[in-house]
C-alpha atoms as a PDB file:
ATOM      1  CA  MET A   1       1.603 -39.162 -13.920  1.00  0.00           C
ATOM      2  CA  GLY A   2       2.455 -40.653 -10.562  1.00  0.00           C
ATOM      3  CA  VAL A   3       0.223 -43.016  -8.635  1.00  0.00           C
ATOM      4  CA  ASN A   4      -0.182 -40.416  -5.873  1.00  0.00           C
ATOM      5  CA  GLU A   5      -0.959 -37.613  -8.309  1.00  0.00           C
ATOM      6  CA  PHE A   6      -4.036 -36.439  -6.396  1.00  0.00           C
ATOM      7  CA  LYS A   7      -4.962 -37.338  -2.863  1.00  0.00           C
ATOM      8  CA  ARG A   8      -8.022 -36.041  -1.061  1.00  0.00           C
ATOM      9  CA  THR A   9      -7.353 -35.170   2.541  1.00  0.00           C
ATOM     10  CA  LYS A  10      -8.989 -33.413   5.498  1.00  0.00           C
ATOM     11  CA  PHE A  11      -7.486 -31.170   8.154  1.00  0.00           C
ATOM     12  CA  SER A  12      -9.013 -29.818  11.350  1.00  0.00           C
ATOM     13  CA  ALA A  13      -8.741 -26.197  12.488  1.00  0.00           C
ATOM     14  CA  ASN A  14      -5.323 -25.052  13.739  1.00  0.00           C
ATOM     15  CA  THR A  15      -3.482 -27.824  11.884  1.00  0.00           C
ATOM     16  CA  ILE A  16      -0.189 -26.622  10.411  1.00  0.00           C
ATOM     17  CA  LEU A  17       0.003 -27.700   6.753  1.00  0.00           C
ATOM     18  CA  PHE A  18       3.618 -26.600   6.499  1.00  0.00           C
ATOM     19  CA  LYS A  19       6.098 -24.188   8.053  1.00  0.00           C
ATOM     20  CA  GLU A  20       8.185 -21.468   6.495  1.00  0.00           C
ATOM     21  CA  GLY A  21      11.630 -22.788   5.579  1.00  0.00           C
ATOM     22  CA  GLU A  22      10.593 -26.433   5.180  1.00  0.00           C
ATOM     23  CA  PRO A  23      11.271 -28.264   1.910  1.00  0.00           C
ATOM     24  CA  ALA A  24       8.311 -28.408  -0.466  1.00  0.00           C
ATOM     25  CA  ASP A  25       6.754 -31.779  -1.124  1.00  0.00           C
ATOM     26  CA  PHE A  26       3.071 -30.993  -1.785  1.00  0.00           C
ATOM     27  CA  ALA A  27       0.748 -28.265  -2.958  1.00  0.00           C
ATOM     28  CA  TYR A  28      -2.845 -28.151  -1.737  1.00  0.00           C
ATOM     29  CA  ILE A  29      -5.992 -27.166  -3.621  1.00  0.00           C
ATOM     30  CA  ILE A  30      -8.537 -26.025  -1.053  1.00  0.00           C
ATOM     31  CA  GLN A  31     -11.929 -27.632  -1.733  1.00  0.00           C
ATOM     32  CA  THR A  32     -13.798 -26.483   1.396  1.00  0.00           C
ATOM     33  CA  GLY A  33     -12.807 -24.409   4.416  1.00  0.00           C
ATOM     34  CA  SER A  34      -9.945 -21.954   4.610  1.00  0.00           C
ATOM     35  CA  VAL A  35      -6.301 -21.583   5.572  1.00  0.00           C
ATOM     36  CA  LYS A  36      -4.237 -18.622   6.709  1.00  0.00           C
ATOM     37  CA  ILE A  37      -0.801 -17.813   5.365  1.00  0.00           C
ATOM     38  CA  TYR A  38       1.764 -16.354   7.781  1.00  0.00           C
ATOM     39  CA  LYS A  39       5.281 -15.084   7.145  1.00  0.00           C
ATOM     40  CA  ARG A  40       7.993 -14.422   9.697  1.00  0.00           C
ATOM     41  CA  GLY A  41       9.047 -10.786   9.697  1.00  0.00           C
ATOM     42  CA  PRO A  42      12.650  -9.633  10.163  1.00  0.00           C
ATOM     43  CA  ASN A  43      12.111  -9.435  13.943  1.00  0.00           C
ATOM     44  CA  GLY A  44      10.492 -12.883  14.140  1.00  0.00           C
ATOM     45  CA  THR A  45       6.858 -11.752  14.349  1.00  0.00           C
ATOM     46  CA  GLN A  46       4.343 -14.000  12.550  1.00  0.00           C
ATOM     47  CA  VAL A  47       2.708 -11.684  10.020  1.00  0.00           C
ATOM     48  CA  PRO A  48      -0.658 -12.715   8.526  1.00  0.00           C
ATOM     49  CA  LEU A  49      -0.509 -12.403   4.741  1.00  0.00           C
ATOM     50  CA  ALA A  50      -3.664 -13.982   3.362  1.00  0.00           C
ATOM     51  CA  LEU A  51      -6.751 -16.077   3.911  1.00  0.00           C
ATOM     52  CA  VAL A  52      -7.136 -18.729   1.200  1.00  0.00           C
ATOM     53  CA  GLU A  53     -10.573 -20.218   0.682  1.00  0.00           C
ATOM     54  CA  GLU A  54     -12.297 -22.721  -1.604  1.00  0.00           C
ATOM     55  CA  GLY A  55     -10.604 -23.006  -4.988  1.00  0.00           C
ATOM     56  CA  GLY A  56      -7.338 -21.481  -3.771  1.00  0.00           C
ATOM     57  CA  VAL A  57      -3.958 -23.169  -3.956  1.00  0.00           C
ATOM     58  CA  VAL A  58      -1.176 -23.084  -1.353  1.00  0.00           C
ATOM     59  CA  GLY A  59       2.310 -24.518  -1.490  1.00  0.00           C
ATOM     60  CA  GLU A  60       2.818 -24.078  -5.213  1.00  0.00           C
ATOM     61  CA  MET A  61       5.475 -21.347  -5.020  1.00  0.00           C
ATOM     62  CA  ALA A  62       8.120 -23.492  -3.334  1.00  0.00           C
ATOM     63  CA  ILE A  63       7.495 -26.339  -5.754  1.00  0.00           C
ATOM     64  CA  ILE A  64       7.752 -24.173  -8.864  1.00  0.00           C
ATOM     65  CA  ASN A  65      10.908 -22.343  -7.739  1.00  0.00           C
ATOM     66  CA  ASP A  66      12.341 -25.433  -5.990  1.00  0.00           C
ATOM     67  CA  LEU A  67      13.030 -23.406  -2.852  1.00  0.00           C
ATOM     68  CA  PRO A  68      12.040 -23.873   0.804  1.00  0.00           C
ATOM     69  CA  ARG A  69       8.541 -22.794   1.835  1.00  0.00           C
ATOM     70  CA  SER A  70       8.301 -18.993   1.831  1.00  0.00           C
ATOM     71  CA  ALA A  71       5.550 -18.909   4.471  1.00  0.00           C
ATOM     72  CA  SER A  72       3.633 -21.051   6.937  1.00  0.00           C
ATOM     73  CA  VAL A  73       0.076 -22.227   6.335  1.00  0.00           C
ATOM     74  CA  VAL A  74      -2.355 -22.982   9.165  1.00  0.00           C
ATOM     75  CA  VAL A  75      -5.906 -24.302   8.815  1.00  0.00           C
ATOM     76  CA  HIS A  76      -8.340 -21.556   9.811  1.00  0.00           C
ATOM     77  CA  GLU A  77     -11.536 -23.604   9.563  1.00  0.00           C
ATOM     78  CA  PRO A  78     -11.764 -27.324   8.779  1.00  0.00           C
ATOM     79  CA  VAL A  79     -10.436 -28.031   5.303  1.00  0.00           C
ATOM     80  CA  GLU A  80     -10.941 -30.626   2.640  1.00  0.00           C
ATOM     81  CA  ALA A  81      -8.144 -30.376   0.112  1.00  0.00           C
ATOM     82  CA  ILE A  82      -6.586 -32.097  -2.837  1.00  0.00           C
ATOM     83  CA  MET A  83      -2.930 -32.776  -2.182  1.00  0.00           C
ATOM     84  CA  VAL A  84      -0.718 -32.757  -5.290  1.00  0.00           C
ATOM     85  CA  ASP A  85       2.780 -34.190  -4.887  1.00  0.00           C
ATOM     86  CA  LYS A  86       5.805 -32.292  -6.187  1.00  0.00           C
ATOM     87  CA  GLU A  87       6.604 -34.767  -8.973  1.00  0.00           C
ATOM     88  CA  SER A  88       3.064 -34.711 -10.392  1.00  0.00           C
ATOM     89  CA  PHE A  89       2.909 -30.927 -10.093  1.00  0.00           C
ATOM     90  CA  ASN A  90       6.188 -30.545 -11.994  1.00  0.00           C
ATOM     91  CA  ASP A  91       5.156 -33.113 -14.617  1.00  0.00           C
ATOM     92  CA  ARG A  92       2.137 -30.964 -15.400  1.00  0.00           C
ATOM     93  CA  LEU A  93       4.278 -27.836 -15.595  1.00  0.00           C
ATOM     94  CA  LYS A  94       6.621 -29.503 -18.094  1.00  0.00           C
ATOM     95  CA  ASP A  95       3.660 -29.704 -20.472  1.00  0.00           C
ATOM     96  CA  THR A  96       3.150 -25.935 -20.199  1.00  0.00           C
ATOM     97  CA  ASP A  97       4.260 -23.548 -22.931  1.00  0.00           C
ATOM     98  CA  PRO A  98       7.905 -22.552 -22.160  1.00  0.00           C
ATOM     99  CA  PHE A  99       7.017 -18.854 -22.250  1.00  0.00           C
ATOM    100  CA  LEU A 100       4.176 -19.331 -19.757  1.00  0.00           C
ATOM    101  CA  TYR A 101       6.387 -21.477 -17.526  1.00  0.00           C
ATOM    102  CA  SER A 102       9.050 -18.721 -17.443  1.00  0.00           C
ATOM    103  CA  LEU A 103       6.371 -16.138 -16.776  1.00  0.00           C
ATOM    104  CA  ILE A 104       4.960 -18.198 -13.879  1.00  0.00           C
ATOM    105  CA  LYS A 105       8.432 -18.573 -12.327  1.00  0.00           C
ATOM    106  CA  MET A 106       9.083 -14.827 -12.651  1.00  0.00           C
ATOM    107  CA  VAL A 107       5.742 -13.888 -11.084  1.00  0.00           C
ATOM    108  CA  ILE A 108       6.328 -16.267  -8.177  1.00  0.00           C
ATOM    109  CA  THR A 109       9.787 -14.793  -7.585  1.00  0.00           C
ATOM    110  CA  ARG A 110       8.199 -11.341  -7.424  1.00  0.00           C
ATOM    111  CA  VAL A 111       5.453 -12.533  -5.068  1.00  0.00           C
ATOM    112  CA  ARG A 112       8.089 -14.007  -2.723  1.00  0.00           C
ATOM    113  CA  HIS A 113       9.940 -10.687  -2.715  1.00  0.00           C
ATOM    114  CA  THR A 114       6.723  -8.731  -2.115  1.00  0.00           C
ATOM    115  CA  SER A 115       5.773 -11.064   0.760  1.00  0.00           C
ATOM    116  CA  ASP A 116       9.163 -10.455   2.389  1.00  0.00           C
ATOM    117  CA  GLN A 117       8.698  -6.697   2.068  1.00  0.00           C
ATOM    118  CA  THR A 118       5.119  -6.856   3.353  1.00  0.00           C
ATOM    119  CA  ALA A 119       6.152  -8.786   6.457  1.00  0.00           C
ATOM    120  CA  GLY A 120       8.911  -6.265   7.161  1.00  0.00           C
ATOM    121  CA  LEU A 121       6.593  -3.287   6.741  1.00  0.00           C
ATOM    122  CA  PHE A 122       3.901  -4.905   8.875  1.00  0.00           C
ATOM    123  CA  GLU A 123       6.373  -5.412  11.705  1.00  0.00           C
ATOM    124  CA  LYS A 124       7.612  -1.855  11.397  1.00  0.00           C
ATOM    125  CA  ILE A 125       4.078  -0.401  11.430  1.00  0.00           C
ATOM    126  CA  ASN A 126       3.031  -2.541  14.401  1.00  0.00           C
ATOM    127  CA  SER A 127       6.181  -1.601  16.264  1.00  0.00           C
ATOM    128  CA  ASN A 128       5.526   2.110  15.683  1.00  0.00           C
ATOM    129  CA  GLN A 129       1.863   1.758  16.695  1.00  0.00           C
ATOM    130  CA  THR A 130       2.852  -0.018  19.897  1.00  0.00           C
ATOM    131  CA  LYS A 131       5.278   2.774  20.732  1.00  0.00           C
ATOM    132  CA  THR A 132       2.562   5.366  20.033  1.00  0.00           C
ATOM    133  CA  VAL A 133       0.028   3.522  22.193  1.00  0.00           C
ATOM    134  CA  LYS A 134       2.542   3.288  25.021  1.00  0.00           C
ATOM    135  CA  ARG A 135       3.248   7.016  24.708  1.00  0.00           C
ATOM    136  CA  LEU A 136      -0.458   7.837  24.707  1.00  0.00           C
ATOM    137  CA  ASN A 137      -1.061   5.676  27.765  1.00  0.00           C
ATOM    138  CA  THR A 138       1.850   7.092  29.714  1.00  0.00           C
ATOM    139  CA  PRO A 139       0.787   9.942  31.972  1.00  0.00           C
ATOM    140  CA  PRO A 140       2.410  13.211  31.015  1.00  0.00           C
ATOM    141  CA  LYS A 141       5.353  14.319  33.052  1.00  0.00           C
ATOM    142  CA  THR A 142       4.371  17.042  35.398  1.00  0.00           C
ATOM    143  CA  THR A 143       6.685  19.852  36.143  1.00  0.00           C
ATOM    144  CA  ARG A 144       6.245  22.315  38.888  1.00  0.00           C
ATOM    145  CA  PRO A 145       6.297  25.869  37.802  1.00  0.00           C
ATOM    146  CA  SER A 146       9.320  27.697  39.036  1.00  0.00           C
ATOM    147  CA  PHE A 147       8.848  31.040  40.584  1.00  0.00           C
ATOM    148  CA  GLU A 148      11.784  33.317  40.414  1.00  0.00           C
ATOM    149  CA  MET A 149      11.940  36.417  42.457  1.00  0.00           C
END
């Protein structure tokens, strides 16, 4: 294992751990506090996907699939975390049963796809609700009755 296998670190509220689209270099195991996961929807809206608390892991998907970050993670309340570098993370995965490793990769691919769909649906629902609220708040058009003789 690498020298930097595990590194304890602290983050204050509103700190961005990583942004969607960035290359993956670390995964974080949340020891105390919580982080929020956000994904950009098709129209650019930041869609909240999850709140990860003590014992949760963030950043693992991009490392396992060797793809850019699929979402952004922001510290919700002050966090103490264990940072695991990509090399150490992958070294541990190499020791995993090949079937389980393939299963993990497949599940993560599905989660990425589901997250994309969720963000799109969230945007669509919010867009429709906004339109409905605007319609409800718009005074009805008044028409004068016409009297024909």
